[in-house]
Amino acid sequence: MFGSTVRGTAVAAVVLAGFAVSCDADPAASASAPAEPASVAASASAVPGPSDPVPAPPAASGGPDALPGAAPEKVRDAFAGLQATLNDACTPAECAYFLGRVHDELHGLDAAMKADPKGPGHFPEPIALIAKLDAELAGDRSFENLKKHQTLLISTRDKINTWMQGHPDDYR
């Protein structure tokens, strides 16, 4: 009985090791990798990669890390994400990240407020502030556009923070 358990464990270890190696392998770099069908290669080229200059905006439901189709965050969680940006600033090395994050956190909060059981009517001012920001940005979340509207972006964050501080039952 001991021998079969050891053999089974060894087989499982080999299978898992092979799986781990295959997950780390770069098919393009491997000479023995089979060629991809043209349809797979064509669809893969349409998928944004790490070399894209501007990350895609978050899904309309949820925060910056939301999966497509995932339920929106709770208002308190989305507000905590927005508050986490309060001590950050647009430094030369991190400005694109910072402005993009503030934008994403505002939209995560917007989605959470609109999905909240109290209804969007419970959060009229923050939702209106984000709508005004969106109208100014005109759908362009590129760094250049966010930088151009940096004052509006940051003031929107700060006004919403102030409004939420006056409504502690909504985030505690």
N, C-alpha and C. Protein backbone atom coordinates (compact mmCIF):
# COMPACT_ATOMS: atom_id res chain seq x y z
N MET A 1 0.83 -1.19 0.00
CA MET A 1 0.00 0.00 0.00
C MET A 1 0.87 1.25 0.00
N PHE A 2 1.96 1.23 0.75
CA PHE A 2 2.87 2.37 0.80
C PHE A 2 3.46 2.66 -0.57
N GLY A 3 3.79 1.64 -1.30
CA GLY A 3 4.39 1.81 -2.63
C GLY A 3 3.45 2.49 -3.60
N SER A 4 2.17 2.17 -3.57
CA SER A 4 1.23 2.80 -4.50
C SER A 4 0.99 4.27 -4.15
N THR A 5 1.05 4.59 -2.87
CA THR A 5 0.87 5.99 -2.46
C THR A 5 2.05 6.83 -2.92
N VAL A 6 3.25 6.27 -2.78
CA VAL A 6 4.44 7.00 -3.21
C VAL A 6 4.42 7.18 -4.72
N ARG A 7 4.04 6.11 -5.45
CA ARG A 7 3.97 6.21 -6.89
C ARG A 7 2.92 7.25 -7.32
N GLY A 8 1.79 7.24 -6.68
CA GLY A 8 0.74 8.20 -7.00
C GLY A 8 1.18 9.63 -6.73
N THR A 9 1.89 9.81 -5.63
CA THR A 9 2.40 11.14 -5.29
C THR A 9 3.45 11.58 -6.31
N ALA A 10 4.31 10.65 -6.71
CA ALA A 10 5.35 10.97 -7.69
C ALA A 10 4.71 11.34 -9.03
N VAL A 11 3.70 10.61 -9.45
CA VAL A 11 3.02 10.91 -10.71
C VAL A 11 2.36 12.29 -10.63
N ALA A 12 1.71 12.56 -9.51
CA ALA A 12 1.06 13.87 -9.35
C ALA A 12 2.09 14.99 -9.38
N ALA A 13 3.24 14.77 -8.75
CA ALA A 13 4.29 15.79 -8.73
C ALA A 13 4.83 16.04 -10.14
N VAL A 14 5.01 14.98 -10.92
CA VAL A 14 5.51 15.13 -12.29
C VAL A 14 4.48 15.87 -13.15
N VAL A 15 3.22 15.52 -13.01
CA VAL A 15 2.16 16.18 -13.79
C VAL A 15 2.09 17.66 -13.42
N LEU A 16 2.12 17.97 -12.13
CA LEU A 16 2.07 19.36 -11.70
C LEU A 16 3.30 20.14 -12.16
N ALA A 17 4.46 19.51 -12.10
CA ALA A 17 5.68 20.18 -12.56
C ALA A 17 5.60 20.45 -14.06
N GLY A 18 5.11 19.49 -14.81
CA GLY A 18 4.95 19.70 -16.24
C GLY A 18 3.96 20.81 -16.55
N PHE A 19 2.90 20.86 -15.78
CA PHE A 19 1.91 21.93 -15.96
C PHE A 19 2.52 23.28 -15.64
N ALA A 20 3.26 23.36 -14.56
CA ALA A 20 3.89 24.63 -14.16
C ALA A 20 4.88 25.09 -15.22
N VAL A 21 5.65 24.18 -15.75
CA VAL A 21 6.62 24.54 -16.78
C VAL A 21 5.90 25.00 -18.05
N SER A 22 4.82 24.30 -18.42
CA SER A 22 4.11 24.69 -19.64
C SER A 22 3.43 26.03 -19.49
N CYS A 23 3.02 26.39 -18.26
CA CYS A 23 2.39 27.69 -18.04
C CYS A 23 3.41 28.81 -18.14
N ASP A 24 4.65 28.53 -17.79
CA ASP A 24 5.69 29.55 -17.84
C ASP A 24 6.36 29.65 -19.20
N ALA A 25 6.15 28.67 -20.04
CA ALA A 25 6.84 28.64 -21.32
C ALA A 25 6.31 29.72 -22.25
N ASP A 26 7.18 30.28 -23.05
CA ASP A 26 6.81 31.26 -24.05
C ASP A 26 6.74 30.54 -25.39
N PRO A 27 5.54 30.28 -25.91
CA PRO A 27 5.43 29.51 -27.14
C PRO A 27 6.19 30.13 -28.31
N ALA A 28 6.27 31.44 -28.36
CA ALA A 28 6.97 32.08 -29.47
C ALA A 28 8.47 31.83 -29.39
N ALA A 29 9.00 31.64 -28.18
CA ALA A 29 10.43 31.44 -28.01
C ALA A 29 10.83 29.99 -28.16
N SER A 30 9.87 29.10 -28.12
CA SER A 30 10.17 27.68 -28.19
C SER A 30 10.18 27.20 -29.63
N ALA A 31 11.27 26.55 -30.02
CA ALA A 31 11.37 26.05 -31.39
C ALA A 31 10.46 24.86 -31.61
N SER A 32 10.14 24.14 -30.52
CA SER A 32 9.32 22.94 -30.67
C SER A 32 7.84 23.23 -30.50
N ALA A 33 7.48 24.47 -30.24
CA ALA A 33 6.07 24.80 -30.04
C ALA A 33 5.33 24.73 -31.37
N PRO A 34 4.13 24.13 -31.35
CA PRO A 34 3.36 24.06 -32.59
C PRO A 34 2.91 25.45 -33.02
N ALA A 35 2.78 25.63 -34.32
CA ALA A 35 2.34 26.92 -34.85
C ALA A 35 0.88 27.13 -34.49
N GLU A 36 0.53 28.40 -34.20
CA GLU A 36 -0.85 28.72 -33.88
C GLU A 36 -1.64 28.83 -35.18
N PRO A 37 -2.90 28.41 -35.14
CA PRO A 37 -3.74 28.63 -36.32
C PRO A 37 -3.88 30.13 -36.57
N ALA A 38 -4.12 30.50 -37.81
CA ALA A 38 -4.21 31.92 -38.18
C ALA A 38 -5.31 32.63 -37.40
N SER A 39 -6.44 31.95 -37.13
CA SER A 39 -7.54 32.60 -36.41
C SER A 39 -7.13 32.93 -34.98
N VAL A 40 -6.34 32.07 -34.34
CA VAL A 40 -5.89 32.34 -32.98
C VAL A 40 -4.89 33.48 -32.98
N ALA A 41 -3.96 33.49 -33.93
CA ALA A 41 -2.97 34.55 -34.00
C ALA A 41 -3.63 35.89 -34.29
N ALA A 42 -4.63 35.90 -35.15
CA ALA A 42 -5.31 37.15 -35.47
C ALA A 42 -6.06 37.69 -34.27
N SER A 43 -6.74 36.81 -33.53
CA SER A 43 -7.49 37.30 -32.36
C SER A 43 -6.54 37.71 -31.25
N ALA A 44 -5.40 37.07 -31.14
CA ALA A 44 -4.44 37.44 -30.11
C ALA A 44 -3.85 38.81 -30.37
N SER A 45 -3.70 39.19 -31.63
CA SER A 45 -3.12 40.49 -31.92
C SER A 45 -4.08 41.63 -31.60
N ALA A 46 -5.37 41.34 -31.50
CA ALA A 46 -6.34 42.38 -31.17
C ALA A 46 -6.44 42.62 -29.67
N VAL A 47 -5.86 41.72 -28.87
CA VAL A 47 -5.91 41.85 -27.42
C VAL A 47 -4.83 42.83 -26.98
N PRO A 48 -5.19 43.85 -26.14
CA PRO A 48 -4.17 44.79 -25.70
C PRO A 48 -3.11 44.08 -24.89
N GLY A 49 -1.89 44.47 -25.08
CA GLY A 49 -0.78 43.86 -24.38
C GLY A 49 -0.09 44.83 -23.46
N PRO A 50 0.99 44.37 -22.82
CA PRO A 50 1.69 45.21 -21.86
C PRO A 50 2.37 46.42 -22.50
N SER A 51 2.51 46.44 -23.81
CA SER A 51 3.16 47.57 -24.46
C SER A 51 2.20 48.71 -24.77
N ASP A 52 0.90 48.50 -24.51
CA ASP A 52 -0.06 49.57 -24.75
C ASP A 52 0.22 50.74 -23.83
N PRO A 53 0.23 51.97 -24.36
CA PRO A 53 0.63 53.13 -23.55
C PRO A 53 -0.38 53.50 -22.47
N VAL A 54 -1.68 53.27 -22.68
CA VAL A 54 -2.69 53.68 -21.72
C VAL A 54 -3.51 52.45 -21.35
N PRO A 55 -3.59 52.12 -20.05
CA PRO A 55 -4.39 50.97 -19.67
C PRO A 55 -5.87 51.22 -19.94
N ALA A 56 -6.59 50.15 -20.17
CA ALA A 56 -8.02 50.26 -20.42
C ALA A 56 -8.72 50.69 -19.15
N PRO A 57 -9.82 51.45 -19.29
CA PRO A 57 -10.56 51.85 -18.09
C PRO A 57 -11.19 50.64 -17.43
N PRO A 58 -11.53 50.76 -16.15
CA PRO A 58 -12.13 49.63 -15.46
C PRO A 58 -13.52 49.34 -16.01
N ALA A 59 -14.00 48.17 -15.70
CA ALA A 59 -15.35 47.82 -16.10
C ALA A 59 -16.32 48.80 -15.46
N ALA A 60 -17.44 49.03 -16.12
CA ALA A 60 -18.41 50.00 -15.62
C ALA A 60 -18.95 49.60 -14.25
N SER A 61 -18.96 48.32 -13.94
CA SER A 61 -19.42 47.90 -12.62
C SER A 61 -18.20 47.53 -11.79
N GLY A 62 -18.06 48.18 -10.66
CA GLY A 62 -16.97 47.86 -9.76
C GLY A 62 -15.87 48.87 -9.80
N GLY A 63 -14.82 48.58 -9.08
CA GLY A 63 -13.69 49.48 -8.96
C GLY A 63 -12.64 49.22 -10.00
N PRO A 64 -11.45 49.74 -9.77
CA PRO A 64 -10.40 49.64 -10.76
C PRO A 64 -9.97 48.22 -11.09
N ASP A 65 -10.13 47.32 -10.15
CA ASP A 65 -9.71 45.95 -10.39
C ASP A 65 -10.88 45.01 -10.63
N ALA A 66 -12.03 45.53 -10.94
CA ALA A 66 -13.23 44.72 -11.10
C ALA A 66 -13.11 43.85 -12.35
N LEU A 67 -13.61 42.64 -12.22
CA LEU A 67 -13.69 41.74 -13.36
C LEU A 67 -14.95 42.07 -14.14
N PRO A 68 -14.91 41.91 -15.44
CA PRO A 68 -16.12 42.17 -16.24
C PRO A 68 -17.27 41.32 -15.72
N GLY A 69 -18.41 41.95 -15.52
CA GLY A 69 -19.59 41.24 -15.05
C GLY A 69 -19.64 41.08 -13.54
N ALA A 70 -18.61 41.52 -12.82
CA ALA A 70 -18.60 41.40 -11.37
C ALA A 70 -19.52 42.45 -10.77
N ALA A 71 -20.04 42.13 -9.60
CA ALA A 71 -20.91 43.08 -8.90
C ALA A 71 -20.08 44.29 -8.45
N PRO A 72 -20.69 45.47 -8.45
CA PRO A 72 -19.95 46.66 -8.00
C PRO A 72 -19.54 46.53 -6.53
N GLU A 73 -18.50 47.25 -6.18
CA GLU A 73 -18.06 47.29 -4.80
C GLU A 73 -19.14 47.94 -3.94
N LYS A 74 -19.02 47.74 -2.64
CA LYS A 74 -19.88 48.48 -1.73
C LYS A 74 -19.36 49.91 -1.68
N VAL A 75 -20.23 50.85 -1.37
CA VAL A 75 -19.84 52.26 -1.34
C VAL A 75 -18.68 52.47 -0.38
N ARG A 76 -18.73 51.85 0.78
CA ARG A 76 -17.65 52.06 1.76
C ARG A 76 -16.30 51.58 1.23
N ASP A 77 -16.29 50.46 0.50
CA ASP A 77 -15.04 49.95 -0.06
C ASP A 77 -14.52 50.83 -1.18
N ALA A 78 -15.42 51.28 -2.02
CA ALA A 78 -15.03 52.16 -3.12
C ALA A 78 -14.54 53.50 -2.57
N PHE A 79 -15.19 54.00 -1.54
CA PHE A 79 -14.76 55.26 -0.94
C PHE A 79 -13.40 55.10 -0.27
N ALA A 80 -13.15 53.97 0.33
CA ALA A 80 -11.82 53.73 0.93
C ALA A 80 -10.74 53.77 -0.14
N GLY A 81 -11.03 53.23 -1.32
CA GLY A 81 -10.06 53.29 -2.42
C GLY A 81 -9.80 54.72 -2.85
N LEU A 82 -10.85 55.52 -2.90
CA LEU A 82 -10.69 56.93 -3.27
C LEU A 82 -9.89 57.67 -2.20
N GLN A 83 -10.19 57.40 -0.93
CA GLN A 83 -9.46 58.05 0.15
C GLN A 83 -7.98 57.69 0.14
N ALA A 84 -7.66 56.52 -0.34
CA ALA A 84 -6.26 56.09 -0.39
C ALA A 84 -5.44 56.97 -1.33
N THR A 85 -6.10 57.74 -2.17
CA THR A 85 -5.37 58.63 -3.09
C THR A 85 -5.11 60.01 -2.48
N LEU A 86 -5.68 60.28 -1.31
CA LEU A 86 -5.60 61.63 -0.74
C LEU A 86 -4.18 62.06 -0.41
N ASN A 87 -3.32 61.15 0.00
CA ASN A 87 -1.96 61.51 0.37
C ASN A 87 -0.97 61.38 -0.79
N ASP A 88 -1.46 61.00 -1.95
CA ASP A 88 -0.61 60.88 -3.13
C ASP A 88 -0.63 62.19 -3.92
N ALA A 89 0.31 62.31 -4.82
CA ALA A 89 0.38 63.52 -5.64
C ALA A 89 0.91 63.15 -7.02
N CYS A 90 0.81 64.12 -7.90
CA CYS A 90 1.26 63.94 -9.28
C CYS A 90 2.75 64.26 -9.35
N THR A 91 3.58 63.30 -8.96
CA THR A 91 5.03 63.49 -9.06
C THR A 91 5.45 63.13 -10.48
N PRO A 92 6.58 63.65 -10.94
CA PRO A 92 7.00 63.36 -12.32
C PRO A 92 7.07 61.86 -12.63
N ALA A 93 7.50 61.06 -11.68
CA ALA A 93 7.65 59.62 -11.95
C ALA A 93 6.32 58.87 -11.88
N GLU A 94 5.36 59.39 -11.17
CA GLU A 94 4.11 58.66 -10.94
C GLU A 94 2.85 59.39 -11.39
N CYS A 95 2.96 60.47 -12.10
CA CYS A 95 1.80 61.29 -12.43
C CYS A 95 0.76 60.53 -13.25
N ALA A 96 1.17 59.81 -14.25
CA ALA A 96 0.22 59.07 -15.09
C ALA A 96 -0.53 58.04 -14.25
N TYR A 97 0.20 57.33 -13.41
CA TYR A 97 -0.43 56.33 -12.55
C TYR A 97 -1.41 57.01 -11.59
N PHE A 98 -0.97 58.07 -10.94
CA PHE A 98 -1.78 58.77 -9.96
C PHE A 98 -3.08 59.30 -10.57
N LEU A 99 -2.99 60.02 -11.66
CA LEU A 99 -4.19 60.58 -12.28
C LEU A 99 -5.12 59.48 -12.77
N GLY A 100 -4.56 58.43 -13.35
CA GLY A 100 -5.37 57.30 -13.79
C GLY A 100 -6.06 56.61 -12.62
N ARG A 101 -5.34 56.50 -11.52
CA ARG A 101 -5.94 55.86 -10.34
C ARG A 101 -7.07 56.70 -9.77
N VAL A 102 -6.87 58.01 -9.65
CA VAL A 102 -7.95 58.87 -9.15
C VAL A 102 -9.18 58.73 -10.05
N HIS A 103 -8.96 58.76 -11.35
CA HIS A 103 -10.06 58.61 -12.32
C HIS A 103 -10.76 57.27 -12.08
N ASP A 104 -10.00 56.20 -11.98
CA ASP A 104 -10.59 54.87 -11.80
C ASP A 104 -11.33 54.75 -10.47
N GLU A 105 -10.75 55.30 -9.41
CA GLU A 105 -11.41 55.23 -8.10
C GLU A 105 -12.71 56.03 -8.10
N LEU A 106 -12.73 57.17 -8.75
CA LEU A 106 -13.98 57.95 -8.86
C LEU A 106 -15.05 57.14 -9.58
N HIS A 107 -14.67 56.45 -10.64
CA HIS A 107 -15.66 55.69 -11.41
C HIS A 107 -16.09 54.42 -10.68
N GLY A 108 -15.20 53.85 -9.89
CA GLY A 108 -15.59 52.72 -9.04
C GLY A 108 -16.62 53.16 -8.01
N LEU A 109 -16.39 54.34 -7.42
CA LEU A 109 -17.33 54.89 -6.44
C LEU A 109 -18.66 55.22 -7.12
N ASP A 110 -18.61 55.79 -8.31
CA ASP A 110 -19.81 56.11 -9.07
C ASP A 110 -20.65 54.85 -9.30
N ALA A 111 -20.00 53.78 -9.73
CA ALA A 111 -20.72 52.53 -9.98
C ALA A 111 -21.29 51.97 -8.68
N ALA A 112 -20.53 52.07 -7.59
CA ALA A 112 -21.02 51.56 -6.30
C ALA A 112 -22.22 52.36 -5.82
N MET A 113 -22.18 53.67 -5.99
CA MET A 113 -23.31 54.51 -5.56
C MET A 113 -24.56 54.22 -6.39
N LYS A 114 -24.37 54.02 -7.68
CA LYS A 114 -25.52 53.75 -8.54
C LYS A 114 -26.12 52.37 -8.28
N ALA A 115 -25.31 51.44 -7.78
CA ALA A 115 -25.79 50.08 -7.50
C ALA A 115 -26.21 49.90 -6.05
N ASP A 116 -25.99 50.88 -5.21
CA ASP A 116 -26.31 50.79 -3.79
C ASP A 116 -27.81 50.60 -3.59
N PRO A 117 -28.19 49.78 -2.59
CA PRO A 117 -29.61 49.58 -2.32
C PRO A 117 -30.38 50.88 -2.02
N LYS A 118 -29.69 51.90 -1.52
CA LYS A 118 -30.36 53.18 -1.24
C LYS A 118 -30.72 53.89 -2.53
N GLY A 119 -30.10 53.50 -3.61
CA GLY A 119 -30.38 54.08 -4.91
C GLY A 119 -29.51 55.27 -5.22
N PRO A 120 -29.34 55.58 -6.52
CA PRO A 120 -28.49 56.69 -6.92
C PRO A 120 -29.00 58.03 -6.42
N GLY A 121 -30.29 58.14 -6.14
CA GLY A 121 -30.85 59.39 -5.63
C GLY A 121 -30.34 59.74 -4.24
N HIS A 122 -29.76 58.77 -3.57
CA HIS A 122 -29.20 59.01 -2.24
C HIS A 122 -27.83 59.71 -2.33
N PHE A 123 -27.22 59.67 -3.51
CA PHE A 123 -25.88 60.24 -3.71
C PHE A 123 -25.90 61.26 -4.85
N PRO A 124 -26.80 62.23 -4.84
CA PRO A 124 -26.94 63.10 -6.02
C PRO A 124 -25.70 63.95 -6.29
N GLU A 125 -25.10 64.51 -5.27
CA GLU A 125 -23.97 65.42 -5.49
C GLU A 125 -22.74 64.70 -6.03
N PRO A 126 -22.30 63.59 -5.40
CA PRO A 126 -21.12 62.91 -5.97
C PRO A 126 -21.35 62.42 -7.40
N ILE A 127 -22.52 61.88 -7.66
CA ILE A 127 -22.81 61.38 -9.01
C ILE A 127 -22.80 62.53 -10.01
N ALA A 128 -23.35 63.67 -9.62
CA ALA A 128 -23.35 64.85 -10.51
C ALA A 128 -21.93 65.37 -10.74
N LEU A 129 -21.11 65.35 -9.71
CA LEU A 129 -19.71 65.81 -9.87
C LEU A 129 -18.94 64.91 -10.84
N ILE A 130 -19.16 63.61 -10.74
CA ILE A 130 -18.48 62.67 -11.64
C ILE A 130 -19.02 62.83 -13.06
N ALA A 131 -20.31 63.07 -13.21
CA ALA A 131 -20.89 63.31 -14.55
C ALA A 131 -20.30 64.57 -15.17
N LYS A 132 -20.11 65.61 -14.37
CA LYS A 132 -19.50 66.85 -14.87
C LYS A 132 -18.06 66.59 -15.32
N LEU A 133 -17.33 65.83 -14.53
CA LEU A 133 -15.95 65.47 -14.89
C LEU A 133 -15.95 64.69 -16.20
N ASP A 134 -16.83 63.72 -16.31
CA ASP A 134 -16.89 62.91 -17.54
C ASP A 134 -17.21 63.76 -18.76
N ALA A 135 -18.09 64.74 -18.59
CA ALA A 135 -18.43 65.63 -19.71
C ALA A 135 -17.19 66.41 -20.15
N GLU A 136 -16.40 66.87 -19.22
CA GLU A 136 -15.17 67.61 -19.55
C GLU A 136 -14.13 66.70 -20.21
N LEU A 137 -14.01 65.47 -19.72
CA LEU A 137 -13.02 64.54 -20.26
C LEU A 137 -13.44 64.01 -21.63
N ALA A 138 -14.72 64.05 -21.92
CA ALA A 138 -15.27 63.61 -23.21
C ALA A 138 -14.82 62.20 -23.60
N GLY A 139 -14.75 61.31 -22.60
CA GLY A 139 -14.39 59.92 -22.88
C GLY A 139 -12.91 59.66 -23.08
N ASP A 140 -12.09 60.67 -23.01
CA ASP A 140 -10.65 60.52 -23.23
C ASP A 140 -9.94 60.43 -21.89
N ARG A 141 -9.50 59.21 -21.53
CA ARG A 141 -8.79 59.05 -20.27
C ARG A 141 -7.28 58.91 -20.48
N SER A 142 -6.80 59.44 -21.58
CA SER A 142 -5.36 59.43 -21.83
C SER A 142 -4.67 60.31 -20.80
N PHE A 143 -3.40 60.04 -20.57
CA PHE A 143 -2.65 60.82 -19.60
C PHE A 143 -2.67 62.30 -19.96
N GLU A 144 -2.51 62.60 -21.24
CA GLU A 144 -2.49 64.00 -21.66
C GLU A 144 -3.79 64.71 -21.30
N ASN A 145 -4.91 64.04 -21.51
CA ASN A 145 -6.20 64.65 -21.19
C ASN A 145 -6.43 64.73 -19.68
N LEU A 146 -6.03 63.69 -18.96
CA LEU A 146 -6.17 63.74 -17.50
C LEU A 146 -5.28 64.84 -16.92
N LYS A 147 -4.09 65.00 -17.47
CA LYS A 147 -3.18 66.05 -17.01
C LYS A 147 -3.78 67.43 -17.31
N LYS A 148 -4.37 67.58 -18.48
CA LYS A 148 -5.00 68.84 -18.87
C LYS A 148 -6.14 69.20 -17.90
N HIS A 149 -6.86 68.18 -17.42
CA HIS A 149 -7.99 68.39 -16.52
C HIS A 149 -7.64 67.99 -15.08
N GLN A 150 -6.37 68.02 -14.74
CA GLN A 150 -5.92 67.59 -13.42
C GLN A 150 -6.62 68.36 -12.29
N THR A 151 -6.75 69.66 -12.43
CA THR A 151 -7.38 70.47 -11.38
C THR A 151 -8.82 70.02 -11.15
N LEU A 152 -9.57 69.79 -12.23
CA LEU A 152 -10.95 69.33 -12.11
C LEU A 152 -11.00 67.93 -11.52
N LEU A 153 -10.11 67.06 -11.95
CA LEU A 153 -10.07 65.69 -11.45
C LEU A 153 -9.83 65.67 -9.94
N ILE A 154 -8.83 66.40 -9.49
CA ILE A 154 -8.49 66.42 -8.07
C ILE A 154 -9.56 67.14 -7.26
N SER A 155 -10.10 68.23 -7.78
CA SER A 155 -11.14 68.93 -7.03
C SER A 155 -12.41 68.08 -6.93
N THR A 156 -12.70 67.28 -7.96
CA THR A 156 -13.84 66.37 -7.90
C THR A 156 -13.63 65.35 -6.79
N ARG A 157 -12.44 64.78 -6.75
CA ARG A 157 -12.11 63.83 -5.67
C ARG A 157 -12.29 64.49 -4.30
N ASP A 158 -11.75 65.69 -4.14
CA ASP A 158 -11.79 66.37 -2.85
C ASP A 158 -13.21 66.76 -2.45
N LYS A 159 -14.01 67.22 -3.41
CA LYS A 159 -15.41 67.58 -3.10
C LYS A 159 -16.21 66.34 -2.70
N ILE A 160 -15.97 65.23 -3.38
CA ILE A 160 -16.67 64.00 -3.03
C ILE A 160 -16.22 63.51 -1.66
N ASN A 161 -14.94 63.62 -1.37
CA ASN A 161 -14.44 63.25 -0.05
C ASN A 161 -15.13 64.07 1.03
N THR A 162 -15.24 65.38 0.82
CA THR A 162 -15.90 66.26 1.79
C THR A 162 -17.37 65.87 1.94
N TRP A 163 -18.05 65.62 0.81
CA TRP A 163 -19.46 65.24 0.86
C TRP A 163 -19.63 63.94 1.65
N MET A 164 -18.78 62.96 1.37
CA MET A 164 -18.87 61.67 2.06
C MET A 164 -18.58 61.80 3.55
N GLN A 165 -17.66 62.69 3.92
CA GLN A 165 -17.36 62.90 5.33
C GLN A 165 -18.60 63.42 6.06
N GLY A 166 -19.45 64.13 5.36
CA GLY A 166 -20.70 64.62 5.93
C GLY A 166 -21.80 63.57 5.97
N HIS A 167 -21.54 62.41 5.39
CA HIS A 167 -22.51 61.31 5.34
C HIS A 167 -21.85 60.02 5.83
N PRO A 168 -21.41 59.99 7.08
CA PRO A 168 -20.64 58.82 7.55
C PRO A 168 -21.42 57.50 7.55
N ASP A 169 -22.74 57.55 7.59
CA ASP A 169 -23.51 56.31 7.55
C ASP A 169 -23.36 55.59 6.22
N ASP A 170 -22.91 56.30 5.20
CA ASP A 170 -22.77 55.70 3.88
C ASP A 170 -21.45 54.95 3.68
N TYR A 171 -20.53 55.11 4.59
CA TYR A 171 -19.25 54.42 4.37
C TYR A 171 -18.70 53.75 5.63
N ARG A 172 -19.43 53.71 6.69
CA ARG A 172 -18.92 53.02 7.90
C ARG A 172 -19.65 51.75 8.14
